[in-house]
Amino acid sequence: MTRSAGRIASLPAGVEGVTGSMLEPKSLAAVFAGASALFLITPVDRDETAQGIDAVDAAVAAGIQRIVYLSVHHADRALTIPHFVSKLPIEGVLRASGVEYTILRPNNFYQNDLAVLDAIRAGVYPQPCGGVGLHRVDVRDIAEAAAIALTTPGHSGKTYSLVGPRAWTGAGTAAALTEHLGKQVNYAGDDLNAWAAQMRAFLPGWLVRDLQIMFQYFLDKGLLATGAEIDELTALLGHAPRSYESFIQEVLPV
């Protein structure tokens, strides 16, 4: 589904595109008609909750039988982070909907680092990860988990944490980048006021505040997975979660 009909032409062969928008709930009935399963991703937006609930309601009304929803890791614990807690009502509506559902809760993405590759090459790792650690995840593992939950049986009513195989701190990430590149990379992500001042040139103020609250949570508490969560994801995927080391070797060739 896309809001722009012009983007449909760029879809891969075999993929059928439809136009619609969760900002226009009346468009969703036609979009969902004839579909049997839905992978639902809600945007980080001020009305994210309303968009997600409207989508679930429209999917149920259209007769969709299975919904896989992309939430966020620790959504039920990190209750101070606006775009974390906004997903909980959608999860609740989904659980009460009567359809088969699976909730996926991913950690912070490795691929967020693609936006700061120039800084890394210049010797600075600026992402605010803190000193507690994040069990960051490769988005390709998220895609695999979603496809498995959408197309195979046995996942109804399940909530899966989508996490990487180890926790990464800011200093640990900088050390891994230093080793890989053969040059010093320093971590510089703990000054959230400086980060926010830079981001206000690119992002709306409400989103900067939301993300600053998130990063402060990371600095204070991290975003950590348990061994049981890692084992459960490994069983779901049929392989160990992808490593951050492999990711940086791919995107930062030396």
C-alpha atoms as a PDB file:
ATOM      1  CA  MET A   1       0.000   0.000   0.000  1.00  0.00           C
ATOM      2  CA  THR A   2       1.242   3.460  -0.861  1.00  0.00           C
ATOM      3  CA  ARG A   3      -0.206   6.954  -0.730  1.00  0.00           C
ATOM      4  CA  SER A   4       1.471   7.716  -4.067  1.00  0.00           C
ATOM      5  CA  ALA A   5       0.223   5.927  -7.187  1.00  0.00           C
ATOM      6  CA  GLY A   6       3.469   6.877  -8.906  1.00  0.00           C
ATOM      7  CA  ARG A   7       5.456   4.611  -6.592  1.00  0.00           C
ATOM      8  CA  ILE A   8       3.579   1.494  -7.698  1.00  0.00           C
ATOM      9  CA  ALA A   9       5.519   1.398 -10.972  1.00  0.00           C
ATOM     10  CA  SER A  10       8.776   0.897  -9.032  1.00  0.00           C
ATOM     11  CA  LEU A  11       7.588  -2.214  -7.184  1.00  0.00           C
ATOM     12  CA  PRO A  12       9.323  -5.530  -7.991  1.00  0.00           C
ATOM     13  CA  ALA A  13       7.798  -7.911 -10.506  1.00  0.00           C
ATOM     14  CA  GLY A  14       4.998  -9.966  -8.986  1.00  0.00           C
ATOM     15  CA  VAL A  15       4.079  -7.334  -6.393  1.00  0.00           C
ATOM     16  CA  GLU A  16       0.668  -5.715  -6.747  1.00  0.00           C
ATOM     17  CA  GLY A  17       0.421  -2.176  -5.405  1.00  0.00           C
ATOM     18  CA  VAL A  18      -2.668  -0.370  -4.136  1.00  0.00           C
ATOM     19  CA  THR A  19      -3.175   3.253  -3.143  1.00  0.00           C
ATOM     20  CA  GLY A  20      -4.558   4.169   0.244  1.00  0.00           C
ATOM     21  CA  SER A  21      -3.676   5.942   3.457  1.00  0.00           C
ATOM     22  CA  MET A  22      -4.208   5.387   7.157  1.00  0.00           C
ATOM     23  CA  LEU A  23      -4.692   9.157   7.277  1.00  0.00           C
ATOM     24  CA  GLU A  24      -7.875   8.545   5.256  1.00  0.00           C
ATOM     25  CA  PRO A  25      -9.629   5.590   6.940  1.00  0.00           C
ATOM     26  CA  LYS A  26     -12.365   5.507   4.295  1.00  0.00           C
ATOM     27  CA  SER A  27      -9.727   4.491   1.719  1.00  0.00           C
ATOM     28  CA  LEU A  28      -8.854   1.310   3.612  1.00  0.00           C
ATOM     29  CA  ALA A  29     -11.966  -0.753   2.847  1.00  0.00           C
ATOM     30  CA  ALA A  30     -11.080  -0.903  -0.844  1.00  0.00           C
ATOM     31  CA  VAL A  31      -7.383  -1.472  -0.086  1.00  0.00           C
ATOM     32  CA  PHE A  32      -8.064  -4.453   2.189  1.00  0.00           C
ATOM     33  CA  ALA A  33     -10.814  -6.033   0.096  1.00  0.00           C
ATOM     34  CA  GLY A  34      -9.852  -9.570  -0.925  1.00  0.00           C
ATOM     35  CA  ALA A  35      -6.726  -9.679   1.252  1.00  0.00           C
ATOM     36  CA  SER A  36      -6.272 -12.530   3.718  1.00  0.00           C
ATOM     37  CA  ALA A  37      -3.355 -11.181   5.763  1.00  0.00           C
ATOM     38  CA  LEU A  38      -1.976  -7.763   6.704  1.00  0.00           C
ATOM     39  CA  PHE A  39       1.475  -6.629   7.802  1.00  0.00           C
ATOM     40  CA  LEU A  40       0.756  -3.411   9.683  1.00  0.00           C
ATOM     41  CA  ILE A  41       3.382  -0.747  10.274  1.00  0.00           C
ATOM     42  CA  THR A  42       2.284   2.506  11.858  1.00  0.00           C
ATOM     43  CA  PRO A  43       4.314   5.694  11.353  1.00  0.00           C
ATOM     44  CA  VAL A  44       6.032   7.625  14.103  1.00  0.00           C
ATOM     45  CA  ASP A  45       3.406  10.355  14.124  1.00  0.00           C
ATOM     46  CA  ARG A  46       1.440  12.346  16.655  1.00  0.00           C
ATOM     47  CA  ASP A  47      -1.714  10.403  15.760  1.00  0.00           C
ATOM     48  CA  GLU A  48      -0.025   7.015  15.365  1.00  0.00           C
ATOM     49  CA  THR A  49      -2.468   5.326  17.754  1.00  0.00           C
ATOM     50  CA  ALA A  50      -5.530   6.502  15.850  1.00  0.00           C
ATOM     51  CA  GLN A  51      -4.063   5.442  12.514  1.00  0.00           C
ATOM     52  CA  GLY A  52      -3.239   1.971  13.816  1.00  0.00           C
ATOM     53  CA  ILE A  53      -6.654   1.403  15.417  1.00  0.00           C
ATOM     54  CA  ASP A  54      -8.408   2.608  12.257  1.00  0.00           C
ATOM     55  CA  ALA A  55      -6.344   0.154  10.213  1.00  0.00           C
ATOM     56  CA  VAL A  56      -7.131  -2.790  12.502  1.00  0.00           C
ATOM     57  CA  ASP A  57     -10.848  -1.936  12.479  1.00  0.00           C
ATOM     58  CA  ALA A  58     -10.893  -1.658   8.678  1.00  0.00           C
ATOM     59  CA  ALA A  59      -8.985  -4.933   8.277  1.00  0.00           C
ATOM     60  CA  VAL A  60     -11.392  -6.813  10.532  1.00  0.00           C
ATOM     61  CA  ALA A  61     -14.383  -5.347   8.682  1.00  0.00           C
ATOM     62  CA  ALA A  62     -12.843  -6.396   5.347  1.00  0.00           C
ATOM     63  CA  GLY A  63     -12.514 -10.011   6.530  1.00  0.00           C
ATOM     64  CA  ILE A  64      -8.742 -10.141   6.857  1.00  0.00           C
ATOM     65  CA  GLN A  65      -7.903 -13.282   8.816  1.00  0.00           C
ATOM     66  CA  ARG A  66      -4.354 -12.615  10.049  1.00  0.00           C
ATOM     67  CA  ILE A  67      -2.602  -9.418  11.138  1.00  0.00           C
ATOM     68  CA  VAL A  68       1.089  -9.084  11.946  1.00  0.00           C
ATOM     69  CA  TYR A  69       1.816  -5.785  13.703  1.00  0.00           C
ATOM     70  CA  LEU A  70       5.206  -4.110  14.057  1.00  0.00           C
ATOM     71  CA  SER A  71       5.349  -2.658  17.570  1.00  0.00           C
ATOM     72  CA  VAL A  72       8.582  -1.948  19.492  1.00  0.00           C
ATOM     73  CA  HIS A  73      10.751  -3.730  22.050  1.00  0.00           C
ATOM     74  CA  HIS A  74       9.786  -2.925  25.664  1.00  0.00           C
ATOM     75  CA  ALA A  75       6.645  -1.085  24.543  1.00  0.00           C
ATOM     76  CA  ASP A  76       5.016  -2.150  27.806  1.00  0.00           C
ATOM     77  CA  ARG A  77       7.975  -1.043  29.954  1.00  0.00           C
ATOM     78  CA  ALA A  78       9.292   2.165  28.400  1.00  0.00           C
ATOM     79  CA  LEU A  79       6.116   4.053  29.215  1.00  0.00           C
ATOM     80  CA  THR A  80       7.728   7.492  29.120  1.00  0.00           C
ATOM     81  CA  ILE A  81       8.626   7.296  25.421  1.00  0.00           C
ATOM     82  CA  PRO A  82       5.727   8.716  23.362  1.00  0.00           C
ATOM     83  CA  HIS A  83       6.213   6.627  20.212  1.00  0.00           C
ATOM     84  CA  PHE A  84       6.656   3.459  22.303  1.00  0.00           C
ATOM     85  CA  VAL A  85       3.567   3.833  24.464  1.00  0.00           C
ATOM     86  CA  SER A  86       1.452   4.939  21.476  1.00  0.00           C
ATOM     87  CA  LYS A  87       1.679   1.380  20.142  1.00  0.00           C
ATOM     88  CA  LEU A  88       0.130  -0.253  23.209  1.00  0.00           C
ATOM     89  CA  PRO A  89      -3.497   0.667  22.433  1.00  0.00           C
ATOM     90  CA  ILE A  90      -3.047  -0.764  18.931  1.00  0.00           C
ATOM     91  CA  GLU A  91      -1.744  -3.992  20.449  1.00  0.00           C
ATOM     92  CA  GLY A  92      -4.779  -4.037  22.750  1.00  0.00           C
ATOM     93  CA  VAL A  93      -7.277  -3.547  19.947  1.00  0.00           C
ATOM     94  CA  LEU A  94      -5.528  -6.247  17.958  1.00  0.00           C
ATOM     95  CA  ARG A  95      -5.741  -8.731  20.830  1.00  0.00           C
ATOM     96  CA  ALA A  96      -9.475  -8.019  21.203  1.00  0.00           C
ATOM     97  CA  SER A  97     -10.205  -8.094  17.470  1.00  0.00           C
ATOM     98  CA  GLY A  98     -10.973 -11.799  17.136  1.00  0.00           C
ATOM     99  CA  VAL A  99      -8.582 -12.303  14.214  1.00  0.00           C
ATOM    100  CA  GLU A 100      -5.328 -14.226  14.255  1.00  0.00           C
ATOM    101  CA  TYR A 101      -2.559 -11.826  15.230  1.00  0.00           C
ATOM    102  CA  THR A 102       1.163 -11.733  15.872  1.00  0.00           C
ATOM    103  CA  ILE A 103       2.979  -8.805  17.472  1.00  0.00           C
ATOM    104  CA  LEU A 104       6.597  -8.156  16.556  1.00  0.00           C
ATOM    105  CA  ARG A 105       8.622  -5.967  18.913  1.00  0.00           C
ATOM    106  CA  PRO A 106      11.933  -4.934  17.330  1.00  0.00           C
ATOM    107  CA  ASN A 107      14.853  -3.284  19.083  1.00  0.00           C
ATOM    108  CA  ASN A 108      16.867  -0.392  17.631  1.00  0.00           C
ATOM    109  CA  PHE A 109      17.938  -1.048  14.014  1.00  0.00           C
ATOM    110  CA  TYR A 110      21.513  -1.531  12.817  1.00  0.00           C
ATOM    111  CA  GLN A 111      20.433   0.273   9.662  1.00  0.00           C
ATOM    112  CA  ASN A 112      19.919   3.509  11.606  1.00  0.00           C
ATOM    113  CA  ASP A 113      23.699   3.819  11.287  1.00  0.00           C
ATOM    114  CA  LEU A 114      23.408   4.282   7.518  1.00  0.00           C
ATOM    115  CA  ALA A 115      22.551   7.927   8.206  1.00  0.00           C
ATOM    116  CA  VAL A 116      25.862   8.525  10.003  1.00  0.00           C
ATOM    117  CA  LEU A 117      28.369   6.655   7.835  1.00  0.00           C
ATOM    118  CA  ASP A 118      30.148   9.909   6.932  1.00  0.00           C
ATOM    119  CA  ALA A 119      30.608  10.729  10.616  1.00  0.00           C
ATOM    120  CA  ILE A 120      31.900   7.216  11.279  1.00  0.00           C
ATOM    121  CA  ARG A 121      34.410   7.524   8.452  1.00  0.00           C
ATOM    122  CA  ALA A 122      35.495  10.851   9.985  1.00  0.00           C
ATOM    123  CA  GLY A 123      36.151   9.104  13.300  1.00  0.00           C
ATOM    124  CA  VAL A 124      33.001   9.799  15.323  1.00  0.00           C
ATOM    125  CA  TYR A 125      30.122   7.515  16.265  1.00  0.00           C
ATOM    126  CA  PRO A 126      27.267   9.929  17.157  1.00  0.00           C
ATOM    127  CA  GLN A 127      24.254   7.681  17.778  1.00  0.00           C
ATOM    128  CA  PRO A 128      23.150   8.027  21.448  1.00  0.00           C
ATOM    129  CA  CYS A 129      23.453   4.412  22.645  1.00  0.00           C
ATOM    130  CA  GLY A 130      24.790   5.056  26.144  1.00  0.00           C
ATOM    131  CA  GLY A 131      26.655   2.711  28.438  1.00  0.00           C
ATOM    132  CA  VAL A 132      23.994   0.154  29.391  1.00  0.00           C
ATOM    133  CA  GLY A 133      23.481  -1.414  25.977  1.00  0.00           C
ATOM    134  CA  LEU A 134      20.946  -2.084  23.220  1.00  0.00           C
ATOM    135  CA  HIS A 135      20.255  -5.482  21.668  1.00  0.00           C
ATOM    136  CA  ARG A 136      20.104  -3.899  18.229  1.00  0.00           C
ATOM    137  CA  VAL A 137      18.692  -5.862  15.301  1.00  0.00           C
ATOM    138  CA  ASP A 138      19.142  -6.094  11.534  1.00  0.00           C
ATOM    139  CA  VAL A 139      16.015  -5.043   9.639  1.00  0.00           C
ATOM    140  CA  ARG A 140      16.411  -8.129   7.448  1.00  0.00           C
ATOM    141  CA  ASP A 141      15.708 -10.278  10.499  1.00  0.00           C
ATOM    142  CA  ILE A 142      12.579  -8.194  11.063  1.00  0.00           C
ATOM    143  CA  ALA A 143      11.513  -8.792   7.459  1.00  0.00           C
ATOM    144  CA  GLU A 144      12.101 -12.536   7.780  1.00  0.00           C
ATOM    145  CA  ALA A 145      10.150 -12.738  11.026  1.00  0.00           C
ATOM    146  CA  ALA A 146       7.253 -10.827   9.488  1.00  0.00           C
ATOM    147  CA  ALA A 147       7.162 -13.075   6.426  1.00  0.00           C
ATOM    148  CA  ILE A 148       7.235 -16.201   8.590  1.00  0.00           C
ATOM    149  CA  ALA A 149       4.444 -14.935  10.852  1.00  0.00           C
ATOM    150  CA  LEU A 150       2.336 -13.918   7.855  1.00  0.00           C
ATOM    151  CA  THR A 151       2.688 -17.082   5.819  1.00  0.00           C
ATOM    152  CA  THR A 152       3.155 -20.011   8.197  1.00  0.00           C
ATOM    153  CA  PRO A 153       0.967 -21.438  10.977  1.00  0.00           C
ATOM    154  CA  GLY A 154       1.706 -21.504  14.678  1.00  0.00           C
ATOM    155  CA  HIS A 155       2.180 -17.809  15.460  1.00  0.00           C
ATOM    156  CA  SER A 156      -1.329 -16.696  16.387  1.00  0.00           C
ATOM    157  CA  GLY A 157      -1.435 -14.842  19.696  1.00  0.00           C
ATOM    158  CA  LYS A 158       2.362 -14.692  19.914  1.00  0.00           C
ATOM    159  CA  THR A 159       4.496 -11.665  20.731  1.00  0.00           C
ATOM    160  CA  TYR A 160       8.089 -11.923  19.519  1.00  0.00           C
ATOM    161  CA  SER A 161      10.994  -9.713  20.553  1.00  0.00           C
ATOM    162  CA  LEU A 162      13.176  -9.014  17.511  1.00  0.00           C
ATOM    163  CA  VAL A 163      16.679  -8.463  18.837  1.00  0.00           C
ATOM    164  CA  GLY A 164      20.316  -8.960  17.984  1.00  0.00           C
ATOM    165  CA  PRO A 165      22.666 -11.551  19.490  1.00  0.00           C
ATOM    166  CA  ARG A 166      24.480  -9.143  21.854  1.00  0.00           C
ATOM    167  CA  ALA A 167      24.065  -5.779  23.567  1.00  0.00           C
ATOM    168  CA  TRP A 168      25.924  -2.787  22.131  1.00  0.00           C
ATOM    169  CA  THR A 169      26.963   0.282  24.090  1.00  0.00           C
ATOM    170  CA  GLY A 170      28.137   3.479  22.445  1.00  0.00           C
ATOM    171  CA  ALA A 171      31.736   2.831  23.489  1.00  0.00           C
ATOM    172  CA  GLY A 172      31.525  -0.809  22.420  1.00  0.00           C
ATOM    173  CA  THR A 173      30.195   0.205  19.020  1.00  0.00           C
ATOM    174  CA  ALA A 174      32.994   2.723  18.560  1.00  0.00           C
ATOM    175  CA  ALA A 175      35.535   0.043  19.512  1.00  0.00           C
ATOM    176  CA  ALA A 176      34.104  -2.391  16.953  1.00  0.00           C
ATOM    177  CA  LEU A 177      34.217   0.313  14.276  1.00  0.00           C
ATOM    178  CA  THR A 178      37.793   1.190  15.253  1.00  0.00           C
ATOM    179  CA  GLU A 179      38.869  -2.430  14.871  1.00  0.00           C
ATOM    180  CA  HIS A 180      37.062  -2.846  11.582  1.00  0.00           C
ATOM    181  CA  LEU A 181      38.285   0.377   9.955  1.00  0.00           C
ATOM    182  CA  GLY A 182      41.790   0.268  11.400  1.00  0.00           C
ATOM    183  CA  LYS A 183      41.449   3.882  12.565  1.00  0.00           C
ATOM    184  CA  GLN A 184      40.221   5.479  15.777  1.00  0.00           C
ATOM    185  CA  VAL A 185      36.464   6.012  16.071  1.00  0.00           C
ATOM    186  CA  ASN A 186      35.279   7.804  19.216  1.00  0.00           C
ATOM    187  CA  TYR A 187      31.814   7.650  20.753  1.00  0.00           C
ATOM    188  CA  ALA A 188      30.174  11.071  21.090  1.00  0.00           C
ATOM    189  CA  GLY A 189      26.501  10.346  21.667  1.00  0.00           C
ATOM    190  CA  ASP A 190      25.797  11.068  25.331  1.00  0.00           C
ATOM    191  CA  ASP A 191      25.273  14.848  24.998  1.00  0.00           C
ATOM    192  CA  LEU A 192      21.569  14.794  24.161  1.00  0.00           C
ATOM    193  CA  ASN A 193      21.206  18.568  24.277  1.00  0.00           C
ATOM    194  CA  ALA A 194      23.807  18.891  21.531  1.00  0.00           C
ATOM    195  CA  TRP A 195      22.098  16.097  19.581  1.00  0.00           C
ATOM    196  CA  ALA A 196      18.706  17.822  19.867  1.00  0.00           C
ATOM    197  CA  ALA A 197      20.142  21.176  18.773  1.00  0.00           C
ATOM    198  CA  GLN A 198      21.479  19.569  15.606  1.00  0.00           C
ATOM    199  CA  MET A 199      18.308  17.597  14.878  1.00  0.00           C
ATOM    200  CA  ARG A 200      15.996  20.614  15.113  1.00  0.00           C
ATOM    201  CA  ALA A 201      17.332  21.692  11.721  1.00  0.00           C
ATOM    202  CA  PHE A 202      15.971  18.502  10.158  1.00  0.00           C
ATOM    203  CA  LEU A 203      13.040  17.259  12.262  1.00  0.00           C
ATOM    204  CA  PRO A 204       9.884  18.823  13.727  1.00  0.00           C
ATOM    205  CA  GLY A 205      10.167  19.869  17.345  1.00  0.00           C
ATOM    206  CA  TRP A 206       7.709  17.274  18.667  1.00  0.00           C
ATOM    207  CA  LEU A 207       9.727  14.461  17.066  1.00  0.00           C
ATOM    208  CA  VAL A 208      13.035  15.768  18.410  1.00  0.00           C
ATOM    209  CA  ARG A 209      11.496  15.794  21.897  1.00  0.00           C
ATOM    210  CA  ASP A 210      10.119  12.259  21.442  1.00  0.00           C
ATOM    211  CA  LEU A 211      13.468  10.887  20.279  1.00  0.00           C
ATOM    212  CA  GLN A 212      15.374  12.748  22.998  1.00  0.00           C
ATOM    213  CA  ILE A 213      13.154  11.073  25.602  1.00  0.00           C
ATOM    214  CA  MET A 214      13.883   7.721  23.934  1.00  0.00           C
ATOM    215  CA  PHE A 215      17.630   8.266  23.910  1.00  0.00           C
ATOM    216  CA  GLN A 216      17.595   9.380  27.536  1.00  0.00           C
ATOM    217  CA  TYR A 217      15.851   6.097  28.354  1.00  0.00           C
ATOM    218  CA  PHE A 218      18.595   4.271  26.444  1.00  0.00           C
ATOM    219  CA  LEU A 219      21.267   6.127  28.402  1.00  0.00           C
ATOM    220  CA  ASP A 220      19.558   5.406  31.731  1.00  0.00           C
ATOM    221  CA  LYS A 221      18.243   1.866  31.236  1.00  0.00           C
ATOM    222  CA  GLY A 222      19.352   0.564  27.857  1.00  0.00           C
ATOM    223  CA  LEU A 223      17.105  -1.651  25.718  1.00  0.00           C
ATOM    224  CA  LEU A 224      18.173  -5.142  26.650  1.00  0.00           C
ATOM    225  CA  ALA A 225      16.907  -8.575  25.646  1.00  0.00           C
ATOM    226  CA  THR A 226      16.974 -11.773  27.638  1.00  0.00           C
ATOM    227  CA  GLY A 227      18.623 -15.000  26.573  1.00  0.00           C
ATOM    228  CA  ALA A 228      15.168 -16.524  26.245  1.00  0.00           C
ATOM    229  CA  GLU A 229      14.126 -13.808  23.783  1.00  0.00           C
ATOM    230  CA  ILE A 230      17.227 -14.404  21.663  1.00  0.00           C
ATOM    231  CA  ASP A 231      16.616 -18.156  21.694  1.00  0.00           C
ATOM    232  CA  GLU A 232      12.969 -17.704  20.714  1.00  0.00           C
ATOM    233  CA  LEU A 233      13.911 -15.488  17.767  1.00  0.00           C
ATOM    234  CA  THR A 234      16.612 -17.947  16.685  1.00  0.00           C
ATOM    235  CA  ALA A 235      13.996 -20.710  16.620  1.00  0.00           C
ATOM    236  CA  LEU A 236      11.566 -18.522  14.675  1.00  0.00           C
ATOM    237  CA  LEU A 237      14.112 -17.540  12.024  1.00  0.00           C
ATOM    238  CA  GLY A 238      15.858 -20.904  11.832  1.00  0.00           C
ATOM    239  CA  HIS A 239      19.220 -19.153  12.276  1.00  0.00           C
ATOM    240  CA  ALA A 240      20.935 -16.898  14.783  1.00  0.00           C
ATOM    241  CA  PRO A 241      20.094 -13.190  14.506  1.00  0.00           C
ATOM    242  CA  ARG A 242      22.475 -11.303  12.257  1.00  0.00           C
ATOM    243  CA  SER A 243      25.427  -9.657  13.988  1.00  0.00           C
ATOM    244  CA  TYR A 244      26.387  -5.998  14.032  1.00  0.00           C
ATOM    245  CA  GLU A 245      29.918  -6.979  13.032  1.00  0.00           C
ATOM    246  CA  SER A 246      28.585  -8.491   9.792  1.00  0.00           C
ATOM    247  CA  PHE A 247      26.515  -5.387   9.155  1.00  0.00           C
ATOM    248  CA  ILE A 248      29.458  -2.994   9.435  1.00  0.00           C
ATOM    249  CA  GLN A 249      31.619  -5.225   7.255  1.00  0.00           C
ATOM    250  CA  GLU A 250      28.920  -4.963   4.595  1.00  0.00           C
ATOM    251  CA  VAL A 251      28.276  -1.215   4.711  1.00  0.00           C
ATOM    252  CA  LEU A 252      31.823  -0.031   5.502  1.00  0.00           C
ATOM    253  CA  PRO A 253      34.155  -1.972   3.203  1.00  0.00           C
ATOM    254  CA  VAL A 254      37.838  -1.404   3.864  1.00  0.00           C
END
